[in-house]
Amino acid sequence: MSAYFTSRFLRVLLVASIFLTVSAATASAQVTTFRQAVAEAAARDDVLAAFYRERDFQGIWSGNRDRGRRNALMNAFADAGNHGLPTAKYDPTALMANLRAASTPAEQGRMEVEMSRLFLSYARDVQTGILRPGSVVDEIKRKVPYRSRLAIIQGFSQSNPAGFLRGLPPSSPEYTRLMREKMRMERMLANGGWGLTVKARSLKPGDAGGEVVKLRNRLIVMGFLERTATQTYDAAVQTAVQRFQQAHGLSVDGKAGSDTMRQLNVSMGNRLQSVIVAMERERWINRPRGQRHVWVNLTDFTAAIVDDDRVTFSTRSVVGAVDPDRESPEFSDVMEFMVINPSWYVPRSIVTKEYLPILQSDLNAVSQLDVTDSRGRTVARSEIDFNSFTAETFPYSMRQSPSEGNALGLVKFIFPNKYNIYLHDTPSKSLFAREVRAFSHGCIRLNDPFDFAYALLAKQEADPEGFFQSRLRTGAEARVNLDAPVPVHIVYRTAFTNVTGSLQFRRDIYNRDARIWNALSRAGVAVRAIQG
């Protein structure tokens, strides 16, 4: 090679070397800037700071190889409204625009962390709920099964992104059915909902005219009546009204009285609110319920035993009265034993608020109750000056011995909890015939307590009824442990599905769902009408 070409070749190599060095330096600077931006943005969140520190501040959303994660998150955000989540908070179009606008490494680093922040927010909302229930309603004592945010984002970064996101919402059949019904109702709402309201105060079999036609049309759209041209409150309309009443917890008499008419005219938008609240409540209880468990729905006034997601026993119940001091709380615990022929140890609040004032006027009042000292010994009433005590200073307790007239009846079912709530029998049987059964001090009274006991004991006794009755006949208090403790879930659902998957609605007796909806609305959740 000539000296000229050698010299020229060396100059080209030198220029190339300089260019590559500059390019490498530029790329290195860009990487450094990106990571520094990630570190600074993540520092405001301890979980994200720990996550990115483990990765040396490398991204999981920003590179070409991360396209699958980005697309999976965008798709999940597009479906957020289907889950009853705030759509503005998880707007994929806005997020995509922000991603495209991030042109510098520093901006891309900040967007990297913002994507992770939104992912974690979505994961928490769709998995365990938007709200912290106890901060909205004091009587909700439920322990929400929150997952570790760090574990969630670590698991996501190492998993199939679409599959991971699909696994976040509750997997319970009830959640799936509620979401399906929600989307069906949203499509109906876009097409006029249930149609005209019925203005008549009441209607009955044999009536005819325009208001009956409105009733007929509404029942058809709701799915309780086959299509018909009748203008008369005939047998088919009466049967449809009965179906409606059954699905709404009303007395099933086939007459569209004032209560039935009031429930019939509730708007589809309001019913959708109930469904969305029910989905939020499902997220609060997003954990295994137990292969066998007890399900007490306060609004439905029922207590059921559920085996493998199938109700195997159900009975009417009486729940806490509509009073701030008597409402039944919502929580889950584990039933450990039952007590046959129980004594009733009167709660302190009842002793001081209800019985002490009575005893101050008549020391022989409530004679079925014994007054006891701190060691459980009975104290003669004649030895006590009830008027010398206040609710705060009264030093005695009260107890009712086992008997058929005992306030707890002849059996109680115990799942130890700090709220002193349990299931029990009652001598006040007439209350079970009422449509709305909110009368207790908070505990759950059962209409068929013996059958409930037999169903529980069937898992451990060859002759559960004989076993139970033999203890009952002694008249003595007897504790019977459950070999396999049973989870108990005291819930409050104004919207739920039945065994066929169709929706049921109940009245918001404690006004809890209204408060939850208001909180969800403030968080950006809205009722939607969807075309298509």
Protein backbone atom coordinates (compact mmCIF):
# COMPACT_ATOMS: atom_id res chain seq x y z
CA MET A 1 0.00 0.00 0.00
CA SER A 2 1.34 3.48 -0.90
CA ALA A 3 2.22 6.01 1.74
CA TYR A 4 -0.67 8.20 0.51
CA PHE A 5 -3.31 5.52 0.94
CA THR A 6 -1.81 4.39 4.24
CA SER A 7 -1.96 7.93 5.58
CA ARG A 8 -5.56 8.40 4.33
CA PHE A 9 -6.69 5.04 5.79
CA LEU A 10 -5.24 5.94 9.16
CA ARG A 11 -7.04 9.31 9.11
CA VAL A 12 -10.40 7.51 8.38
CA LEU A 13 -9.81 5.08 11.24
CA LEU A 14 -9.00 7.97 13.53
CA VAL A 15 -12.21 9.83 12.57
CA ALA A 16 -14.28 6.64 13.00
CA SER A 17 -12.68 6.00 16.37
CA ILE A 18 -13.45 9.52 17.49
CA PHE A 19 -17.07 9.21 16.23
CA LEU A 20 -17.61 5.90 18.02
CA THR A 21 -16.06 7.27 21.20
CA VAL A 22 -18.35 10.30 21.06
CA SER A 23 -21.40 8.10 20.27
CA ALA A 24 -20.56 5.75 23.11
CA ALA A 25 -20.03 8.66 25.42
CA THR A 26 -23.36 10.17 24.31
CA ALA A 27 -25.18 6.88 24.81
CA SER A 28 -23.53 6.42 28.18
CA ALA A 29 -24.55 9.94 29.16
CA GLN A 30 -28.13 9.26 28.07
CA VAL A 31 -28.25 6.04 30.10
CA THR A 32 -26.81 7.84 33.09
CA THR A 33 -29.34 10.65 32.73
CA PHE A 34 -32.21 8.17 32.41
CA ARG A 35 -31.14 6.22 35.50
CA GLN A 36 -30.56 9.38 37.48
CA ALA A 37 -34.07 10.56 36.57
CA VAL A 38 -35.48 7.18 37.61
CA ALA A 39 -33.65 7.34 40.93
CA GLU A 40 -34.87 10.87 41.63
CA ALA A 41 -38.50 10.15 40.69
CA ALA A 42 -38.59 6.84 42.58
CA ALA A 43 -37.15 8.40 45.75
CA ARG A 44 -40.58 9.79 46.63
CA ASP A 45 -41.94 6.23 47.08
CA ASP A 46 -40.01 3.82 49.31
CA VAL A 47 -41.33 0.75 47.46
CA LEU A 48 -40.42 2.05 44.02
CA ALA A 49 -37.06 3.26 45.30
CA ALA A 50 -36.29 -0.24 46.61
CA PHE A 51 -37.51 -1.88 43.41
CA TYR A 52 -35.43 0.26 41.07
CA ARG A 53 -32.38 0.16 43.34
CA GLU A 54 -32.38 -3.65 43.00
CA ARG A 55 -32.39 -3.18 39.21
CA ASP A 56 -29.63 -0.58 39.21
CA PHE A 57 -32.36 1.86 38.08
CA GLN A 58 -33.00 0.11 34.79
CA GLY A 59 -36.51 0.44 33.42
CA ILE A 60 -39.25 -2.14 32.84
CA TRP A 61 -41.45 -0.01 30.55
CA SER A 62 -39.16 2.18 28.46
CA GLY A 63 -37.20 0.00 26.04
CA ASN A 64 -38.22 -1.71 22.82
CA ARG A 65 -38.12 -5.06 24.62
CA ASP A 66 -40.70 -3.70 27.10
CA ARG A 67 -43.39 -3.13 24.47
CA GLY A 68 -45.33 -6.19 25.68
CA ARG A 69 -45.56 -4.78 29.21
CA ARG A 70 -46.68 -1.38 27.96
CA ASN A 71 -49.36 -2.90 25.74
CA ALA A 72 -50.62 -5.19 28.51
CA LEU A 73 -50.96 -2.24 30.90
CA MET A 74 -52.71 -0.12 28.28
CA ASN A 75 -55.19 -2.94 27.65
CA ALA A 76 -55.81 -3.33 31.38
CA PHE A 77 -56.40 0.41 31.72
CA ALA A 78 -58.84 0.31 28.80
CA ASP A 79 -60.87 -2.26 30.78
CA ALA A 80 -60.72 -0.35 34.09
CA GLY A 81 -64.25 0.94 33.67
CA ASN A 82 -65.56 -2.62 33.33
CA HIS A 83 -64.32 -3.22 36.88
CA GLY A 84 -65.99 -0.07 38.18
CA LEU A 85 -62.68 1.79 38.54
CA PRO A 86 -62.19 5.50 37.80
CA THR A 87 -61.63 5.70 34.04
CA ALA A 88 -60.00 9.15 34.08
CA LYS A 89 -57.34 7.87 36.47
CA TYR A 90 -56.50 4.99 34.15
CA ASP A 91 -56.85 6.62 30.74
CA PRO A 92 -54.67 4.73 28.23
CA THR A 93 -54.94 7.48 25.60
CA ALA A 94 -53.60 10.13 27.96
CA LEU A 95 -50.86 7.81 29.17
CA MET A 96 -49.78 7.02 25.62
CA ALA A 97 -49.66 10.73 24.78
CA ASN A 98 -47.44 11.38 27.79
CA LEU A 99 -45.14 8.54 26.76
CA ARG A 100 -44.78 9.94 23.25
CA ALA A 101 -44.13 13.43 24.60
CA ALA A 102 -41.22 12.19 26.74
CA SER A 103 -38.39 12.87 24.26
CA THR A 104 -35.35 13.32 26.51
CA PRO A 105 -33.75 10.64 28.70
CA ALA A 106 -34.69 12.62 31.80
CA GLU A 107 -38.35 12.83 30.74
CA GLN A 108 -38.34 9.14 29.83
CA GLY A 109 -36.91 8.28 33.24
CA ARG A 110 -39.67 10.20 34.97
CA MET A 111 -42.31 8.52 32.81
CA GLU A 112 -40.78 5.14 33.63
CA VAL A 113 -41.49 5.70 37.32
CA GLU A 114 -44.91 7.20 36.62
CA MET A 115 -45.85 4.02 34.72
CA SER A 116 -44.84 1.92 37.71
CA ARG A 117 -46.76 4.20 40.08
CA LEU A 118 -49.90 3.88 37.95
CA PHE A 119 -49.42 0.11 37.68
CA LEU A 120 -49.22 -0.25 41.46
CA SER A 121 -52.23 2.01 41.96
CA TYR A 122 -54.25 -0.03 39.46
CA ALA A 123 -53.13 -3.32 41.03
CA ARG A 124 -54.25 -2.18 44.49
CA ASP A 125 -57.57 -0.80 43.23
CA VAL A 126 -58.59 -3.81 41.14
CA GLN A 127 -57.32 -6.41 43.61
CA THR A 128 -58.36 -5.13 47.04
CA GLY A 129 -60.48 -2.06 46.40
CA ILE A 130 -60.33 1.66 45.87
CA LEU A 131 -61.49 2.59 49.38
CA ARG A 132 -60.38 1.73 52.88
CA PRO A 133 -63.77 0.52 54.13
CA GLY A 134 -63.43 1.43 57.81
CA SER A 135 -62.70 5.04 56.92
CA VAL A 136 -66.01 5.26 55.04
CA VAL A 137 -68.27 3.25 57.38
CA ASP A 138 -67.19 2.70 60.99
CA GLU A 139 -69.22 -0.50 61.30
CA ILE A 140 -67.17 -2.22 58.57
CA LYS A 141 -64.49 -3.97 60.61
CA ARG A 142 -63.20 -6.03 57.72
CA LYS A 143 -59.46 -6.70 57.40
CA VAL A 144 -58.76 -6.14 53.71
CA PRO A 145 -56.11 -8.60 52.40
CA TYR A 146 -53.69 -6.02 51.01
CA ARG A 147 -50.71 -7.49 49.14
CA SER A 148 -47.14 -6.21 49.35
CA ARG A 149 -46.65 -3.52 46.71
CA LEU A 150 -43.00 -4.50 46.32
CA ALA A 151 -43.89 -8.16 45.82
CA ILE A 152 -46.51 -7.18 43.23
CA ILE A 153 -44.18 -5.14 41.03
CA GLN A 154 -41.37 -7.68 41.42
CA GLY A 155 -43.73 -10.47 40.41
CA PHE A 156 -45.02 -8.48 37.48
CA SER A 157 -41.52 -7.72 36.18
CA GLN A 158 -40.75 -11.46 36.15
CA SER A 159 -44.08 -12.71 34.74
CA ASN A 160 -46.13 -12.79 31.59
CA PRO A 161 -47.54 -9.25 31.80
CA ALA A 162 -50.99 -9.90 30.34
CA GLY A 163 -51.49 -13.03 32.43
CA PHE A 164 -50.32 -11.27 35.60
CA LEU A 165 -52.75 -8.38 35.09
CA ARG A 166 -55.64 -10.78 34.38
CA GLY A 167 -54.93 -12.48 37.70
CA LEU A 168 -55.27 -9.33 39.81
CA PRO A 169 -59.09 -8.95 40.14
CA PRO A 170 -61.03 -11.33 42.41
CA SER A 171 -61.42 -14.77 40.86
CA SER A 172 -64.67 -15.48 42.73
CA PRO A 173 -67.63 -16.50 40.57
CA GLU A 174 -69.65 -13.74 42.23
CA TYR A 175 -67.27 -11.02 41.02
CA THR A 176 -67.37 -12.41 37.49
CA ARG A 177 -71.17 -12.52 37.50
CA LEU A 178 -71.48 -9.02 38.94
CA MET A 179 -69.19 -7.60 36.26
CA ARG A 180 -71.10 -9.39 33.53
CA GLU A 181 -74.42 -8.03 34.83
CA LYS A 182 -72.93 -4.55 35.19
CA MET A 183 -71.86 -4.49 31.55
CA ARG A 184 -75.23 -5.85 30.41
CA MET A 185 -77.04 -3.11 32.34
CA GLU A 186 -74.70 -0.44 30.93
CA ARG A 187 -75.69 -1.47 27.42
CA MET A 188 -79.36 -1.40 28.40
CA LEU A 189 -78.93 2.04 29.98
CA ALA A 190 -77.67 3.38 26.64
CA ASN A 191 -80.92 2.15 25.07
CA GLY A 192 -83.28 3.74 27.56
CA GLY A 193 -82.89 1.51 30.60
CA TRP A 194 -86.11 0.03 31.98
CA GLY A 195 -88.35 2.58 30.32
CA LEU A 196 -91.10 4.71 31.84
CA THR A 197 -91.69 4.64 35.58
CA VAL A 198 -95.06 3.54 36.88
CA LYS A 199 -96.85 6.48 38.49
CA ALA A 200 -99.66 4.53 40.13
CA ARG A 201 -99.28 4.26 43.91
CA SER A 202 -100.36 0.62 43.73
CA LEU A 203 -101.82 -1.90 41.28
CA LYS A 204 -103.45 -5.26 41.80
CA PRO A 205 -104.74 -8.23 39.79
CA GLY A 206 -107.75 -7.24 37.71
CA ASP A 207 -106.64 -3.63 37.15
CA ALA A 208 -106.31 -2.35 33.58
CA GLY A 209 -105.20 0.74 31.71
CA GLY A 210 -102.11 2.81 30.95
CA GLU A 211 -100.36 2.30 34.28
CA VAL A 212 -100.73 -1.47 33.96
CA VAL A 213 -99.16 -1.20 30.50
CA LYS A 214 -96.20 0.69 32.00
CA LEU A 215 -95.90 -1.98 34.70
CA ARG A 216 -96.09 -4.70 32.04
CA ASN A 217 -93.42 -3.05 29.88
CA ARG A 218 -91.08 -2.50 32.80
CA LEU A 219 -91.38 -6.12 33.90
CA ILE A 220 -90.67 -7.29 30.34
CA VAL A 221 -87.51 -5.21 30.03
CA MET A 222 -86.38 -6.33 33.49
CA GLY A 223 -86.73 -9.96 32.39
CA PHE A 224 -89.55 -10.98 34.75
CA LEU A 225 -92.27 -11.24 32.09
CA GLU A 226 -92.39 -12.79 28.64
CA ARG A 227 -93.37 -10.39 25.85
CA THR A 228 -97.16 -9.88 25.85
CA ALA A 229 -99.68 -7.32 24.62
CA THR A 230 -101.96 -7.55 27.63
CA GLN A 231 -103.34 -4.31 29.10
CA THR A 232 -104.76 -6.07 32.13
CA TYR A 233 -103.13 -7.10 35.40
CA ASP A 234 -103.66 -10.76 34.50
CA ALA A 235 -102.20 -13.99 35.87
CA ALA A 236 -99.01 -13.62 33.81
CA VAL A 237 -98.40 -10.10 35.17
CA GLN A 238 -99.15 -11.31 38.69
CA THR A 239 -96.60 -14.12 38.36
CA ALA A 240 -94.03 -11.63 37.02
CA VAL A 241 -94.64 -9.34 40.00
CA GLN A 242 -94.06 -12.30 42.30
CA ARG A 243 -90.76 -13.00 40.55
CA PHE A 244 -89.78 -9.35 40.95
CA GLN A 245 -90.70 -9.44 44.65
CA GLN A 246 -88.65 -12.58 45.17
CA ALA A 247 -85.64 -10.98 43.50
CA HIS A 248 -85.91 -7.87 45.69
CA GLY A 249 -86.53 -9.40 49.11
CA LEU A 250 -90.17 -8.32 49.27
CA SER A 251 -93.21 -10.18 50.53
CA VAL A 252 -94.29 -12.38 47.64
CA ASP A 253 -98.01 -11.70 47.23
CA GLY A 254 -98.23 -10.75 43.53
CA LYS A 255 -99.70 -7.32 44.33
CA ALA A 256 -97.84 -4.18 43.31
CA GLY A 257 -98.30 -2.34 46.60
CA SER A 258 -96.42 0.76 47.69
CA ASP A 259 -93.22 -1.08 48.73
CA THR A 260 -93.15 -3.11 45.53
CA MET A 261 -93.87 -0.03 43.42
CA ARG A 262 -91.11 1.91 45.17
CA GLN A 263 -88.56 -0.81 44.38
CA LEU A 264 -89.92 -1.28 40.86
CA ASN A 265 -89.32 2.40 40.06
CA VAL A 266 -85.72 2.53 41.28
CA SER A 267 -83.73 3.71 38.26
CA MET A 268 -81.28 1.51 36.42
CA GLY A 269 -78.57 4.05 37.22
CA ASN A 270 -79.17 3.60 40.95
CA ARG A 271 -79.18 -0.18 40.58
CA LEU A 272 -75.86 0.06 38.71
CA GLN A 273 -74.45 1.98 41.65
CA SER A 274 -75.40 -0.96 43.89
CA VAL A 275 -73.66 -3.42 41.56
CA ILE A 276 -70.48 -1.31 41.44
CA VAL A 277 -70.48 -1.08 45.25
CA ALA A 278 -70.92 -4.86 45.45
CA MET A 279 -67.88 -5.30 43.19
CA GLU A 280 -65.85 -3.03 45.47
CA ARG A 281 -67.01 -5.10 48.44
CA GLU A 282 -65.90 -8.28 46.64
CA ARG A 283 -62.43 -6.79 46.31
CA TRP A 284 -62.33 -6.14 50.07
CA ILE A 285 -62.82 -9.86 50.67
CA ASN A 286 -60.49 -11.06 47.91
CA ARG A 287 -59.15 -14.17 49.64
CA PRO A 288 -60.30 -17.80 49.89
CA ARG A 289 -63.58 -17.90 51.82
CA GLY A 290 -63.22 -21.49 52.93
CA GLN A 291 -64.33 -24.68 51.24
CA ARG A 292 -67.10 -24.68 53.84
CA HIS A 293 -68.12 -21.33 55.29
CA VAL A 294 -71.03 -19.45 56.82
CA TRP A 295 -72.32 -16.47 54.82
CA VAL A 296 -74.53 -13.96 56.63
CA ASN A 297 -75.92 -11.23 54.37
CA LEU A 298 -77.30 -8.52 56.64
CA THR A 299 -79.46 -6.88 53.97
CA ASP A 300 -81.00 -10.21 52.96
CA PHE A 301 -81.69 -11.24 56.58
CA THR A 302 -80.33 -14.74 55.91
CA ALA A 303 -77.56 -16.98 57.19
CA ALA A 304 -76.30 -19.78 54.96
CA ILE A 305 -73.82 -22.63 55.03
CA VAL A 306 -71.88 -22.79 51.79
CA ASP A 307 -70.00 -25.90 50.65
CA ASP A 308 -67.78 -25.68 47.54
CA ASP A 309 -69.51 -22.46 46.42
CA ARG A 310 -72.97 -24.05 46.77
CA VAL A 311 -75.51 -23.10 49.45
CA THR A 312 -76.34 -26.31 51.31
CA PHE A 313 -78.38 -24.75 54.12
CA SER A 314 -80.09 -21.40 54.57
CA THR A 315 -82.29 -19.87 57.23
CA ARG A 316 -83.92 -16.54 57.94
CA SER A 317 -82.15 -14.25 60.37
CA VAL A 318 -82.79 -11.20 62.51
CA VAL A 319 -79.97 -8.63 62.50
CA GLY A 320 -79.05 -5.50 64.42
CA ALA A 321 -81.64 -2.75 64.63
CA VAL A 322 -81.34 0.43 62.58
CA ASP A 323 -79.68 2.36 65.37
CA PRO A 324 -76.04 3.54 65.56
CA ASP A 325 -75.49 1.52 68.74
CA ARG A 326 -77.19 -1.66 67.52
CA GLU A 327 -76.22 -2.15 63.89
CA SER A 328 -74.50 -5.46 63.14
CA PRO A 329 -70.86 -4.94 62.12
CA GLU A 330 -69.25 -6.49 59.04
CA PHE A 331 -66.25 -8.75 59.53
CA SER A 332 -64.94 -12.28 59.04
CA ASP A 333 -63.83 -14.73 61.70
CA VAL A 334 -63.82 -18.47 62.40
CA MET A 335 -66.55 -20.41 64.21
CA GLU A 336 -64.92 -22.71 66.74
CA PHE A 337 -67.77 -24.13 68.84
CA MET A 338 -71.44 -24.04 69.78
CA VAL A 339 -72.97 -23.87 73.24
CA ILE A 340 -76.13 -25.87 73.89
CA ASN A 341 -78.37 -24.58 76.70
CA PRO A 342 -76.34 -21.37 76.96
CA SER A 343 -76.36 -18.80 79.71
CA TRP A 344 -76.75 -15.22 78.56
CA TYR A 345 -74.10 -12.92 79.92
CA VAL A 346 -75.72 -9.57 79.33
CA PRO A 347 -73.41 -7.13 77.51
CA ARG A 348 -72.27 -4.21 79.63
CA SER A 349 -73.90 -1.69 77.32
CA ILE A 350 -77.31 -3.33 77.75
CA VAL A 351 -76.87 -3.63 81.53
CA THR A 352 -76.08 0.06 82.01
CA LYS A 353 -78.19 1.66 79.29
CA GLU A 354 -81.34 -0.48 79.48
CA TYR A 355 -81.57 -2.46 82.68
CA LEU A 356 -80.01 -0.18 85.32
CA PRO A 357 -82.58 2.61 84.76
CA ILE A 358 -85.38 0.05 85.08
CA LEU A 359 -83.90 -1.45 88.27
CA GLN A 360 -83.56 2.02 89.76
CA SER A 361 -87.34 2.30 89.52
CA ASP A 362 -88.18 -1.31 90.38
CA LEU A 363 -85.56 -3.65 91.81
CA ASN A 364 -87.76 -6.64 90.95
CA ALA A 365 -87.85 -5.80 87.24
CA VAL A 366 -86.34 -8.17 84.65
CA SER A 367 -86.60 -10.92 87.26
CA GLN A 368 -85.37 -13.54 84.81
CA LEU A 369 -81.86 -12.08 85.16
CA ASP A 370 -79.43 -12.67 88.01
CA VAL A 371 -77.24 -9.83 89.24
CA THR A 372 -73.66 -11.07 89.67
CA ASP A 373 -70.47 -9.71 91.22
CA SER A 374 -66.99 -9.64 89.70
CA ARG A 375 -66.48 -13.31 90.62
CA GLY A 376 -69.72 -14.44 88.98
CA ARG A 377 -71.60 -14.98 92.25
CA THR A 378 -75.29 -14.11 92.39
CA VAL A 379 -76.06 -11.08 94.57
CA ALA A 380 -79.49 -10.57 96.11
CA ARG A 381 -81.12 -7.45 94.68
CA SER A 382 -82.25 -6.41 98.15
CA GLU A 383 -78.60 -5.92 99.07
CA ILE A 384 -78.00 -3.41 96.25
CA ASP A 385 -78.94 0.27 96.21
CA PHE A 386 -79.28 0.66 92.44
CA ASN A 387 -79.93 4.39 92.74
CA SER A 388 -76.48 4.98 94.20
CA PHE A 389 -74.81 4.02 90.92
CA THR A 390 -74.44 5.54 87.50
CA ALA A 391 -73.78 3.73 84.24
CA GLU A 392 -70.07 4.34 84.77
CA THR A 393 -69.90 3.23 88.41
CA PHE A 394 -72.30 0.25 88.42
CA PRO A 395 -70.04 -2.63 89.60
CA TYR A 396 -72.29 -5.57 88.80
CA SER A 397 -72.98 -7.80 85.81
CA MET A 398 -76.14 -9.65 84.82
CA ARG A 399 -76.73 -13.19 83.65
CA GLN A 400 -79.66 -15.31 82.50
CA SER A 401 -79.48 -19.04 83.23
CA PRO A 402 -80.21 -21.66 80.55
CA SER A 403 -83.91 -22.01 79.73
CA GLU A 404 -86.30 -21.93 76.82
CA GLY A 405 -86.99 -18.28 77.66
CA ASN A 406 -83.29 -17.37 77.60
CA ALA A 407 -82.57 -14.42 75.30
CA LEU A 408 -80.16 -16.67 73.37
CA GLY A 409 -82.68 -19.47 73.11
CA LEU A 410 -81.25 -22.99 73.38
CA VAL A 411 -78.07 -22.76 71.33
CA LYS A 412 -75.48 -20.20 70.29
CA PHE A 413 -72.67 -20.42 67.77
CA ILE A 414 -69.37 -18.81 68.71
CA PHE A 415 -66.64 -17.32 66.53
CA PRO A 416 -64.64 -15.42 69.19
CA ASN A 417 -64.35 -11.74 68.27
CA LYS A 418 -63.87 -8.45 70.06
CA TYR A 419 -67.27 -7.19 68.90
CA ASN A 420 -69.10 -9.84 70.97
CA ILE A 421 -71.15 -10.90 67.95
CA TYR A 422 -72.40 -14.45 67.49
CA LEU A 423 -75.26 -16.44 65.95
CA HIS A 424 -77.97 -17.77 68.24
CA ASP A 425 -81.46 -19.08 68.79
CA THR A 426 -84.18 -16.80 70.20
CA PRO A 427 -87.53 -17.21 71.96
CA SER A 428 -88.90 -14.29 69.88
CA LYS A 429 -89.95 -16.37 66.88
CA SER A 430 -92.63 -13.98 65.57
CA LEU A 431 -90.04 -11.53 64.21
CA PHE A 432 -88.96 -13.99 61.52
CA ALA A 433 -92.27 -13.45 59.73
CA ARG A 434 -91.40 -9.78 59.14
CA GLU A 435 -90.14 -8.61 55.76
CA VAL A 436 -87.47 -6.35 57.29
CA ARG A 437 -85.89 -8.12 60.25
CA ALA A 438 -83.62 -5.58 61.97
CA PHE A 439 -84.41 -5.86 65.69
CA SER A 440 -81.43 -7.27 67.62
CA HIS A 441 -78.64 -5.57 69.56
CA GLY A 442 -76.19 -6.63 66.85
CA CYS A 443 -75.99 -10.42 67.12
CA ILE A 444 -77.56 -12.64 64.47
CA ARG A 445 -80.68 -14.57 65.48
CA LEU A 446 -81.53 -17.70 63.49
CA ASN A 447 -84.99 -18.94 62.58
CA ASP A 448 -83.84 -22.59 62.35
CA PRO A 449 -80.96 -22.85 64.84
CA PHE A 450 -81.33 -26.59 65.48
CA ASP A 451 -81.18 -27.42 61.77
CA PHE A 452 -78.21 -25.08 61.47
CA ALA A 453 -76.50 -27.02 64.26
CA TYR A 454 -77.31 -30.37 62.64
CA ALA A 455 -75.79 -29.19 59.35
CA LEU A 456 -72.59 -28.10 61.11
CA LEU A 457 -72.35 -31.32 63.14
CA ALA A 458 -73.00 -33.56 60.12
CA LYS A 459 -69.30 -33.31 59.27
CA GLN A 460 -68.28 -34.91 62.56
CA GLU A 461 -71.22 -36.90 63.94
CA ALA A 462 -72.90 -39.98 62.44
CA ASP A 463 -76.21 -38.89 64.01
CA PRO A 464 -75.95 -35.10 64.37
CA GLU A 465 -79.56 -34.62 65.43
CA GLY A 466 -79.40 -37.36 68.06
CA PHE A 467 -76.09 -36.02 69.36
CA PHE A 468 -77.48 -32.48 69.65
CA GLN A 469 -80.76 -33.51 71.25
CA SER A 470 -79.06 -35.69 73.85
CA ARG A 471 -77.11 -32.65 75.10
CA LEU A 472 -80.16 -30.43 74.89
CA ARG A 473 -82.29 -32.73 77.04
CA THR A 474 -79.89 -32.46 79.98
CA GLY A 475 -80.75 -28.78 80.41
CA ALA A 476 -77.13 -28.18 81.37
CA GLU A 477 -74.85 -25.82 79.52
CA ALA A 478 -72.63 -27.81 77.14
CA ARG A 479 -69.86 -26.66 74.83
CA VAL A 480 -69.42 -28.62 71.60
CA ASN A 481 -66.25 -27.93 69.62
CA LEU A 482 -66.23 -28.10 65.85
CA ASP A 483 -63.57 -30.56 64.70
CA ALA A 484 -63.03 -28.39 61.64
CA PRO A 485 -63.58 -24.70 62.48
CA VAL A 486 -65.74 -22.90 59.91
CA PRO A 487 -65.02 -19.41 58.55
CA VAL A 488 -67.87 -16.95 59.10
CA HIS A 489 -68.36 -13.93 56.84
CA ILE A 490 -70.84 -11.26 57.93
CA VAL A 491 -71.40 -9.20 54.80
CA TYR A 492 -73.65 -6.43 53.54
CA ARG A 493 -74.72 -6.79 49.91
CA THR A 494 -77.57 -4.80 48.38
CA ALA A 495 -76.74 -6.37 45.01
CA PHE A 496 -75.76 -10.01 44.55
CA THR A 497 -76.43 -12.91 42.21
CA ASN A 498 -78.44 -16.03 42.92
CA VAL A 499 -77.61 -19.60 41.94
CA THR A 500 -78.69 -18.99 38.34
CA GLY A 501 -76.51 -15.91 38.05
CA SER A 502 -79.38 -13.41 37.85
CA LEU A 503 -79.23 -10.25 39.94
CA GLN A 504 -80.93 -9.80 43.28
CA PHE A 505 -81.34 -6.44 45.02
CA ARG A 506 -82.03 -5.56 48.65
CA ARG A 507 -82.70 -2.37 50.56
CA ASP A 508 -79.80 -0.39 52.02
CA ILE A 509 -81.11 -0.77 55.58
CA TYR A 510 -78.14 0.89 57.30
CA ASN A 511 -77.45 3.41 54.50
CA ARG A 512 -73.95 1.98 54.17
CA ASP A 513 -73.89 1.43 50.42
CA ALA A 514 -75.02 5.02 49.83
CA ARG A 515 -72.00 6.23 51.79
CA ILE A 516 -69.70 3.87 49.91
CA TRP A 517 -71.06 5.01 46.55
CA ASN A 518 -70.54 8.66 47.51
CA ALA A 519 -66.92 7.87 48.39
CA LEU A 520 -66.42 5.96 45.14
CA SER A 521 -67.93 8.85 43.21
CA ARG A 522 -65.51 11.28 44.86
CA ALA A 523 -62.71 8.93 43.78
CA GLY A 524 -63.84 9.26 40.16
CA VAL A 525 -66.08 6.22 39.71
CA ALA A 526 -69.16 6.88 37.56
CA VAL A 527 -72.13 5.02 36.12
CA ARG A 528 -71.65 4.47 32.39
CA ALA A 529 -73.99 3.91 29.47
CA ILE A 530 -72.27 1.87 26.73
CA GLN A 531 -73.38 1.65 23.13
CA GLY A 532 -73.16 -1.73 21.44
